[in-house]
Amino acid sequence: MNILRLKALAGAGCFSIALLGAAMHPAHASGLERGGYDIDLLFDPAPFATEAEATYVMPDRKFKNARGPGGADLGFGTSADGAEDYWVPRIGVKAQVVPGVDCMVDYSQPWGAHTAPGVWNGAFSNMETDIKSDNYGATCSYKMDAGKGQLRFIGGVFYQKVYGFKEDLVSPLVPNFGGTGRVDLTSNGWGWRAGIAYEIPDIALRASLVYNSKVKLDNISGTLDLTNVGLGTIPIYGSTQHMPDVVELKLQSGVAPGWLAFGSIKWVNWSTLQSVPICPVGVPTSLCFSNSPAEVTSLDLMYRDSWTVSGGIGHKFNDQWSAAGQLSWDRGTSHGYGSQTDTWTVGGGVAYTPQPNIEVRLAGVIGVMTSGHSGTVIGPNGKIIGADASYDFGNDLVTAISGGIKIKF
């Protein structure tokens, strides 16, 4: 009985739902997650493999019943768009160094957020926020025979750059809502990963557990541009922060000839990001903390940890065509502030293999971002967060499409 390993199939049907549970702030669940971390290419049995893919995510989050400071209707508009569409690219190359040792290098964009509500009653809180990231990773594994299968030890490092800007209304006295301020920030850091996997190729079984470390951002720097209100540009810095650590368990197994079942559970430590204080350059770091007199502005997130649970099934029809479907739930990171509530998604995809060494994938997802309310919460050191804007949001739609190609030798 030939039960297929179907790595390609898994990629076609469950192209990381993290790309759909992608949480741009403040669109839906999962903090700042977009592409997350993905090292599945490392498991490809070919001596050499390379792949590239891109996902386009379309969250249709809508704010309504918006109020400004003190619950006032400022007359700027009670509704606004809560999220912008975005692309998530990823490219990787994997090679067998020696028998039993595989290594891969990859580029991805694990974190990001883009909202542009513009002129609305919450303009004192946010008119546009755009956060981006670049991640360059190198990961290797060593596998050895163990029982009926193979045991694989995984380790790697990655360099990460996180950067972006936020713009909001500072003074309503400047005509045509021109009294805005803008914060530009950038930072970078290193992380590492370690994991273990067990595989029985004959029955397409694989179980993997991988830990990705925090990334320490202790060099956050940038500018606060207040030229639109006559105060010039101020060099600023942020207190040390960490991008979250991630633990993910993945399982797959052949369940009948040509059929594969798969699933995963992922935890992301988003509670490490609460309120990021921003202070002028020259202020000692010991005085730059949340709710301190030196804080000129802040990036308020107030996240809780996220959990993502997914499962699906795939089938290979013939040597050229296979397909899969997946259901996923993502626990939202917002709990009283922000709009990242729970998200449910269902996805499906196909893989076409015109030649044994070429694979083309296409997938789509549709889901629901659940409803809620954003208001005032108490942050670090008793800081009141959310007093400059409150709003409601309903059950909103999120959709995504993804395409990719793999070439192996």
Protein backbone atom coordinates (compact mmCIF):
# COMPACT_ATOMS: atom_id res chain seq x y z
CA MET A 1 0.00 0.00 0.00
CA ASN A 2 1.47 3.33 -1.05
CA ILE A 3 0.33 6.09 1.30
CA LEU A 4 1.77 9.31 -0.07
CA ARG A 5 3.96 11.64 1.89
CA LEU A 6 2.23 14.60 0.23
CA LYS A 7 4.33 17.51 1.47
CA ALA A 8 3.27 19.37 -1.65
CA LEU A 9 -0.35 18.66 -0.90
CA ALA A 10 -0.05 19.99 2.61
CA GLY A 11 1.46 23.14 1.17
CA ALA A 12 -1.36 23.49 -1.33
CA GLY A 13 -4.20 23.21 1.12
CA CYS A 14 -2.87 24.63 4.33
CA PHE A 15 -0.54 27.31 3.07
CA SER A 16 0.08 28.76 6.44
CA ILE A 17 -3.24 29.91 7.78
CA ALA A 18 -1.11 32.22 9.87
CA LEU A 19 -1.11 34.21 6.66
CA LEU A 20 -4.85 34.49 7.08
CA GLY A 21 -4.90 34.72 10.80
CA ALA A 22 -2.47 37.41 9.96
CA ALA A 23 -3.13 40.15 12.33
CA MET A 24 -2.42 43.53 11.20
CA HIS A 25 -3.18 46.02 13.87
CA PRO A 26 -5.99 46.50 14.30
CA ALA A 27 -7.61 44.15 11.83
CA HIS A 28 -8.13 40.78 13.47
CA ALA A 29 -6.43 38.13 15.56
CA SER A 30 -2.79 37.34 16.21
CA GLY A 31 -1.10 40.57 17.21
CA LEU A 32 1.25 41.77 14.48
CA GLU A 33 1.52 38.39 12.79
CA ARG A 34 1.54 38.18 9.01
CA GLY A 35 3.62 35.36 7.57
CA GLY A 36 4.93 34.05 10.87
CA TYR A 37 7.71 31.45 10.76
CA ASP A 38 7.68 28.54 8.29
CA ILE A 39 10.45 25.95 7.89
CA ASP A 40 8.46 23.21 6.13
CA LEU A 41 10.80 23.37 3.13
CA LEU A 42 13.51 21.84 5.32
CA PHE A 43 11.60 18.52 5.29
CA ASP A 44 11.54 18.15 1.50
CA PRO A 45 13.25 14.83 0.64
CA ALA A 46 14.89 16.16 -2.53
CA PRO A 47 18.64 16.93 -2.34
CA PHE A 48 17.90 20.48 -3.51
CA ALA A 49 14.64 22.43 -3.45
CA THR A 50 13.63 26.05 -3.80
CA GLU A 51 10.22 27.67 -3.50
CA ALA A 52 8.62 31.08 -3.70
CA GLU A 53 5.10 32.06 -2.74
CA ALA A 54 2.99 35.13 -2.11
CA THR A 55 -0.32 35.60 -0.33
CA TYR A 56 -2.69 38.54 -0.72
CA VAL A 57 -4.91 39.08 2.33
CA MET A 58 -8.09 41.19 2.25
CA PRO A 59 -9.55 41.90 5.71
CA ASP A 60 -12.81 43.87 5.53
CA ARG A 61 -12.82 45.19 9.11
CA LYS A 62 -15.17 48.17 9.63
CA PHE A 63 -15.28 50.51 12.63
CA LYS A 64 -18.60 52.06 13.63
CA ASN A 65 -20.11 54.20 16.41
CA ALA A 66 -16.71 55.84 16.85
CA ARG A 67 -16.24 58.50 19.52
CA GLY A 68 -13.29 60.72 20.39
CA PRO A 69 -11.82 61.76 23.75
CA GLY A 70 -14.35 61.61 26.56
CA GLY A 71 -16.87 59.84 24.31
CA ALA A 72 -17.43 63.02 22.28
CA ASP A 73 -18.73 63.05 18.72
CA LEU A 74 -16.13 65.29 17.11
CA GLY A 75 -18.01 65.47 13.83
CA PHE A 76 -15.18 63.76 11.94
CA GLY A 77 -17.19 60.63 11.12
CA THR A 78 -18.37 57.69 13.22
CA SER A 79 -17.21 54.94 10.81
CA ALA A 80 -13.89 54.03 9.21
CA ASP A 81 -11.94 51.22 7.57
CA GLY A 82 -10.18 49.14 10.20
CA ALA A 83 -7.60 47.35 8.02
CA GLU A 84 -5.83 47.53 4.68
CA ASP A 85 -5.12 44.73 2.21
CA TYR A 86 -1.55 43.43 2.15
CA TRP A 87 0.90 41.04 0.49
CA VAL A 88 2.97 38.41 2.30
CA PRO A 89 5.95 37.09 0.27
CA ARG A 90 8.28 34.25 1.16
CA ILE A 91 11.21 32.60 -0.60
CA GLY A 92 13.46 29.76 0.49
CA VAL A 93 16.24 27.44 -0.69
CA LYS A 94 17.04 24.05 0.87
CA ALA A 95 19.97 21.73 0.17
CA GLN A 96 21.31 18.44 1.50
CA VAL A 97 24.81 19.24 2.78
CA VAL A 98 25.78 15.64 3.47
CA PRO A 99 23.58 12.56 3.96
CA GLY A 100 21.44 13.20 7.03
CA VAL A 101 22.16 16.95 7.20
CA ASP A 102 19.86 19.46 5.49
CA CYS A 103 20.04 23.26 5.57
CA MET A 104 17.80 26.03 4.30
CA VAL A 105 17.95 29.79 4.01
CA ASP A 106 14.83 31.91 3.64
CA TYR A 107 13.42 35.42 3.50
CA SER A 108 10.01 36.24 4.95
CA GLN A 109 7.92 39.02 6.49
CA PRO A 110 6.66 37.53 9.77
CA TRP A 111 5.22 40.68 11.35
CA GLY A 112 3.29 43.66 10.07
CA ALA A 113 0.24 45.87 10.33
CA HIS A 114 -1.42 48.51 8.18
CA THR A 115 -4.47 50.55 9.07
CA ALA A 116 -5.49 53.83 7.47
CA PRO A 117 -8.85 55.01 8.89
CA GLY A 118 -8.01 58.61 7.95
CA VAL A 119 -10.20 61.40 9.25
CA TRP A 120 -12.68 59.95 11.76
CA ASN A 121 -13.68 60.47 15.37
CA GLY A 122 -10.69 58.36 16.41
CA ALA A 123 -8.18 60.53 14.52
CA PHE A 124 -6.46 61.58 17.77
CA SER A 125 -5.62 57.89 18.25
CA ASN A 126 -4.76 56.82 14.70
CA MET A 127 -5.02 58.15 11.16
CA GLU A 128 -2.55 55.68 9.68
CA THR A 129 -0.24 53.02 11.11
CA ASP A 130 2.10 50.93 8.95
CA ILE A 131 4.48 48.36 10.50
CA LYS A 132 6.70 46.10 8.39
CA SER A 133 9.37 43.47 8.94
CA ASP A 134 12.13 41.63 7.11
CA ASN A 135 13.40 38.27 8.35
CA TYR A 136 16.48 36.43 7.08
CA GLY A 137 16.89 32.92 8.44
CA ALA A 138 19.26 29.95 8.27
CA THR A 139 18.08 26.60 9.63
CA CYS A 140 19.68 23.15 9.61
CA SER A 141 18.67 19.68 10.73
CA TYR A 142 20.31 16.36 11.43
CA LYS A 143 18.31 13.15 11.08
CA MET A 144 19.05 9.64 12.25
CA ASP A 145 17.28 6.30 12.13
CA ALA A 146 14.98 5.64 15.09
CA GLY A 147 12.61 2.68 15.14
CA LYS A 148 10.48 2.54 12.02
CA GLY A 149 11.33 6.11 11.05
CA GLN A 150 13.80 8.92 11.47
CA LEU A 151 14.42 11.37 14.31
CA ARG A 152 15.37 14.90 13.24
CA PHE A 153 17.04 17.60 15.36
CA ILE A 154 16.50 21.18 14.19
CA GLY A 155 18.38 24.40 14.94
CA GLY A 156 18.82 27.80 13.36
CA VAL A 157 19.20 31.57 13.67
CA PHE A 158 17.44 34.53 12.11
CA TYR A 159 18.03 38.26 11.77
CA GLN A 160 14.98 40.48 11.94
CA LYS A 161 14.31 44.12 11.11
CA VAL A 162 11.08 45.79 12.29
CA TYR A 163 10.15 49.30 11.18
CA GLY A 164 7.21 51.58 10.47
CA PHE A 165 5.33 54.76 11.20
CA LYS A 166 2.21 56.06 12.90
CA GLU A 167 0.34 59.27 12.11
CA ASP A 168 -2.48 60.86 14.08
CA LEU A 169 -4.17 64.18 14.67
CA VAL A 170 -2.35 66.46 17.11
CA SER A 171 -4.25 69.74 16.68
CA PRO A 172 -7.68 70.26 15.08
CA LEU A 173 -6.93 73.99 14.65
CA VAL A 174 -4.88 73.56 11.46
CA PRO A 175 -7.20 73.81 8.40
CA ASN A 176 -8.20 70.67 6.47
CA PHE A 177 -7.06 68.35 9.24
CA GLY A 178 -3.44 69.24 8.54
CA GLY A 179 -2.40 69.38 12.18
CA THR A 180 -0.95 65.89 12.24
CA GLY A 181 2.08 64.35 13.89
CA ARG A 182 4.08 61.38 12.66
CA VAL A 183 6.34 58.88 14.44
CA ASP A 184 8.90 56.91 12.40
CA LEU A 185 10.75 54.06 14.15
CA THR A 186 13.12 51.25 13.21
CA SER A 187 14.91 48.47 15.07
CA ASN A 188 16.50 45.06 14.57
CA GLY A 189 17.64 42.01 16.47
CA TRP A 190 18.57 38.33 16.35
CA GLY A 191 16.65 35.20 17.26
CA TRP A 192 17.17 31.45 17.25
CA ARG A 193 15.08 28.32 16.84
CA ALA A 194 15.32 24.74 18.04
CA GLY A 195 13.09 21.76 17.46
CA ILE A 196 12.64 18.06 17.03
CA ALA A 197 10.70 15.97 14.53
CA TYR A 198 9.89 12.32 13.93
CA GLU A 199 9.06 10.99 10.47
CA ILE A 200 7.95 7.68 8.98
CA PRO A 201 7.96 8.43 5.23
CA ASP A 202 6.25 5.16 4.26
CA ILE A 203 3.00 6.26 5.90
CA ALA A 204 3.52 10.04 5.42
CA LEU A 205 3.76 10.51 9.18
CA ARG A 206 5.52 13.54 10.59
CA ALA A 207 5.33 15.17 13.99
CA SER A 208 7.37 18.30 14.68
CA LEU A 209 7.74 20.65 17.63
CA VAL A 210 9.66 23.89 17.03
CA TYR A 211 10.46 26.79 19.34
CA ASN A 212 11.33 30.23 17.92
CA SER A 213 12.92 32.58 20.43
CA LYS A 214 12.08 36.16 21.26
CA VAL A 215 13.86 38.86 19.27
CA LYS A 216 15.25 41.60 21.51
CA LEU A 217 14.78 45.09 20.10
CA ASP A 218 17.01 47.29 22.25
CA ASN A 219 17.89 49.88 19.62
CA ILE A 220 14.50 51.35 18.70
CA SER A 221 15.13 54.80 17.22
CA GLY A 222 13.51 57.34 14.92
CA THR A 223 11.88 60.76 14.74
CA LEU A 224 8.74 62.52 15.93
CA ASP A 225 7.69 64.95 13.19
CA LEU A 226 5.57 67.82 14.54
CA THR A 227 6.31 70.35 11.79
CA ASN A 228 2.62 70.54 10.90
CA VAL A 229 1.93 72.09 14.31
CA GLY A 230 5.06 74.26 14.35
CA LEU A 231 7.25 72.19 16.69
CA GLY A 232 9.79 70.74 14.25
CA THR A 233 11.27 67.24 14.23
CA ILE A 234 12.47 65.56 17.43
CA PRO A 235 14.88 62.58 17.57
CA ILE A 236 13.29 59.84 19.67
CA TYR A 237 13.89 56.31 20.92
CA GLY A 238 11.81 53.53 22.41
CA SER A 239 12.42 51.40 25.46
CA THR A 240 13.66 47.86 24.91
CA GLN A 241 10.97 45.53 23.57
CA HIS A 242 10.79 41.93 22.34
CA MET A 243 9.09 40.40 19.35
CA PRO A 244 7.34 37.30 20.70
CA ASP A 245 8.58 33.76 21.03
CA VAL A 246 6.55 31.09 19.24
CA VAL A 247 5.93 27.39 19.88
CA GLU A 248 4.30 25.28 17.17
CA LEU A 249 3.34 21.61 17.08
CA LYS A 250 2.54 20.15 13.65
CA LEU A 251 1.18 16.69 12.87
CA GLN A 252 0.44 14.86 9.64
CA SER A 253 -0.19 11.25 8.65
CA GLY A 254 -1.45 9.22 5.76
CA VAL A 255 -4.85 7.77 6.65
CA ALA A 256 -5.62 5.81 3.45
CA PRO A 257 -3.96 5.40 0.05
CA GLY A 258 -3.68 8.90 -1.40
CA TRP A 259 -5.17 10.62 1.69
CA LEU A 260 -3.39 12.79 4.24
CA ALA A 261 -4.69 14.27 7.51
CA PHE A 262 -2.84 17.19 9.10
CA GLY A 263 -3.16 19.72 11.90
CA SER A 264 -1.26 22.16 14.09
CA ILE A 265 -1.38 24.05 17.37
CA LYS A 266 0.55 27.31 17.76
CA TRP A 267 1.13 29.61 20.73
CA VAL A 268 2.52 33.13 20.29
CA ASN A 269 3.66 35.16 23.29
CA TRP A 270 2.00 38.44 22.25
CA SER A 271 1.48 39.53 25.86
CA THR A 272 5.11 40.61 25.81
CA LEU A 273 3.91 43.70 23.87
CA GLN A 274 1.77 46.06 25.94
CA SER A 275 2.51 49.79 25.66
CA VAL A 276 5.79 50.89 24.04
CA PRO A 277 6.92 54.23 25.54
CA ILE A 278 8.63 56.71 23.21
CA CYS A 279 10.96 59.37 24.64
CA PRO A 280 13.20 62.17 23.26
CA VAL A 281 16.85 61.35 22.66
CA GLY A 282 18.80 62.56 25.68
CA VAL A 283 16.35 61.30 28.25
CA PRO A 284 18.02 58.49 30.27
CA THR A 285 16.63 55.03 29.60
CA SER A 286 15.86 54.69 33.29
CA LEU A 287 13.29 57.49 32.88
CA CYS A 288 11.72 56.18 29.66
CA PHE A 289 8.90 53.97 30.85
CA SER A 290 5.15 53.78 30.38
CA ASN A 291 3.24 56.69 31.92
CA SER A 292 6.43 58.57 32.79
CA PRO A 293 6.71 62.38 32.41
CA ALA A 294 9.40 61.84 29.74
CA GLU A 295 7.07 59.83 27.47
CA VAL A 296 6.16 62.00 24.45
CA THR A 297 4.03 59.33 22.77
CA SER A 298 3.58 55.56 22.76
CA LEU A 299 2.57 52.60 20.64
CA ASP A 300 -0.28 51.03 22.60
CA LEU A 301 -0.98 47.37 21.83
CA MET A 302 -2.15 45.73 25.07
CA TYR A 303 -2.05 42.21 23.60
CA ARG A 304 -2.75 38.86 25.20
CA ASP A 305 -1.21 35.63 23.93
CA SER A 306 -2.69 34.06 20.83
CA TRP A 307 -3.52 30.42 20.10
CA THR A 308 -4.07 29.04 16.60
CA VAL A 309 -5.58 25.59 16.07
CA SER A 310 -6.04 24.14 12.60
CA GLY A 311 -6.79 20.84 10.93
CA GLY A 312 -7.49 19.52 7.48
CA ILE A 313 -7.36 16.71 4.96
CA GLY A 314 -5.76 16.32 1.56
CA HIS A 315 -6.06 13.94 -1.36
CA LYS A 316 -3.90 13.12 -4.36
CA PHE A 317 -6.02 12.40 -7.43
CA ASN A 318 -3.20 11.42 -9.78
CA ASP A 319 0.46 12.22 -10.47
CA GLN A 320 -0.39 15.76 -11.55
CA TRP A 321 -3.23 16.94 -9.29
CA SER A 322 -3.83 17.04 -5.55
CA ALA A 323 -6.05 19.16 -3.29
CA ALA A 324 -6.67 19.87 0.37
CA GLY A 325 -8.96 21.79 2.73
CA GLN A 326 -8.42 23.21 6.20
CA LEU A 327 -10.37 24.76 9.07
CA SER A 328 -8.63 27.15 11.47
CA TRP A 329 -9.44 29.05 14.67
CA ASP A 330 -7.31 31.89 15.98
CA ARG A 331 -7.88 33.35 19.46
CA GLY A 332 -7.80 37.13 19.22
CA THR A 333 -5.17 39.13 21.07
CA SER A 334 -7.47 42.05 21.92
CA HIS A 335 -9.36 42.03 25.22
CA GLY A 336 -11.09 45.38 25.62
CA TYR A 337 -8.76 47.52 23.50
CA GLY A 338 -8.31 47.04 19.75
CA SER A 339 -10.24 44.96 17.25
CA GLN A 340 -8.34 41.66 17.10
CA THR A 341 -11.05 39.27 18.20
CA ASP A 342 -11.31 35.56 17.35
CA THR A 343 -11.05 34.59 13.69
CA TRP A 344 -12.47 31.49 12.00
CA THR A 345 -11.25 30.58 8.50
CA VAL A 346 -11.78 27.79 6.00
CA GLY A 347 -9.34 27.28 3.14
CA GLY A 348 -8.84 25.09 0.13
CA GLY A 349 -6.13 24.68 -2.45
CA VAL A 350 -4.80 22.65 -5.34
CA ALA A 351 -1.31 21.58 -6.38
CA TYR A 352 -0.37 20.88 -10.00
CA THR A 353 2.80 18.96 -10.86
CA PRO A 354 3.44 19.20 -14.63
CA GLN A 355 6.90 17.63 -14.17
CA PRO A 356 8.21 15.53 -11.27
CA ASN A 357 10.50 18.37 -10.19
CA ILE A 358 8.05 21.27 -10.61
CA GLU A 359 5.04 22.02 -8.44
CA VAL A 360 2.58 24.91 -8.76
CA ARG A 361 0.17 25.77 -5.93
CA LEU A 362 -2.94 27.92 -5.71
CA ALA A 363 -5.15 28.35 -2.64
CA GLY A 364 -7.88 30.55 -1.22
CA VAL A 365 -9.37 31.26 2.18
CA ILE A 366 -12.51 32.87 3.52
CA GLY A 367 -13.23 33.61 7.15
CA VAL A 368 -15.01 35.65 9.79
CA MET A 369 -13.43 38.13 12.20
CA THR A 370 -15.79 38.23 15.18
CA SER A 371 -17.42 41.34 16.62
CA GLY A 372 -16.51 43.42 19.66
CA HIS A 373 -15.83 46.83 21.20
CA SER A 374 -12.68 48.85 21.81
CA GLY A 375 -12.59 51.21 24.76
CA THR A 376 -10.55 52.24 27.76
CA VAL A 377 -8.21 49.87 29.61
CA ILE A 378 -5.55 50.31 32.27
CA GLY A 379 -2.02 49.79 31.00
CA PRO A 380 1.42 49.52 32.62
CA ASN A 381 2.02 51.75 35.66
CA GLY A 382 -1.66 52.70 35.75
CA LYS A 383 -1.63 54.39 32.35
CA ILE A 384 -5.12 54.93 30.87
CA ILE A 385 -5.14 53.60 27.31
CA GLY A 386 -7.93 54.04 24.78
CA ALA A 387 -9.36 57.28 26.16
CA ASP A 388 -8.81 59.10 22.86
CA ALA A 389 -11.04 56.76 20.80
CA SER A 390 -13.75 54.14 21.27
CA TYR A 391 -15.62 52.19 18.61
CA ASP A 392 -17.59 49.05 17.81
CA PHE A 393 -17.15 46.47 15.04
CA GLY A 394 -19.30 43.64 13.76
CA ASN A 395 -18.63 40.18 12.34
CA ASP A 396 -16.47 41.06 9.34
CA LEU A 397 -15.15 39.10 6.38
CA VAL A 398 -11.54 38.22 5.63
CA THR A 399 -10.45 36.58 2.37
CA ALA A 400 -7.07 35.65 0.91
CA ILE A 401 -5.51 34.08 -2.16
CA SER A 402 -2.09 32.44 -2.37
CA GLY A 403 0.14 31.18 -5.14
CA GLY A 404 3.50 29.49 -5.16
CA ILE A 405 5.98 27.41 -7.10
CA LYS A 406 8.55 24.83 -6.02
CA ILE A 407 11.44 23.49 -8.08
CA LYS A 408 13.53 20.57 -6.83
CA PHE A 409 16.31 18.31 -8.04
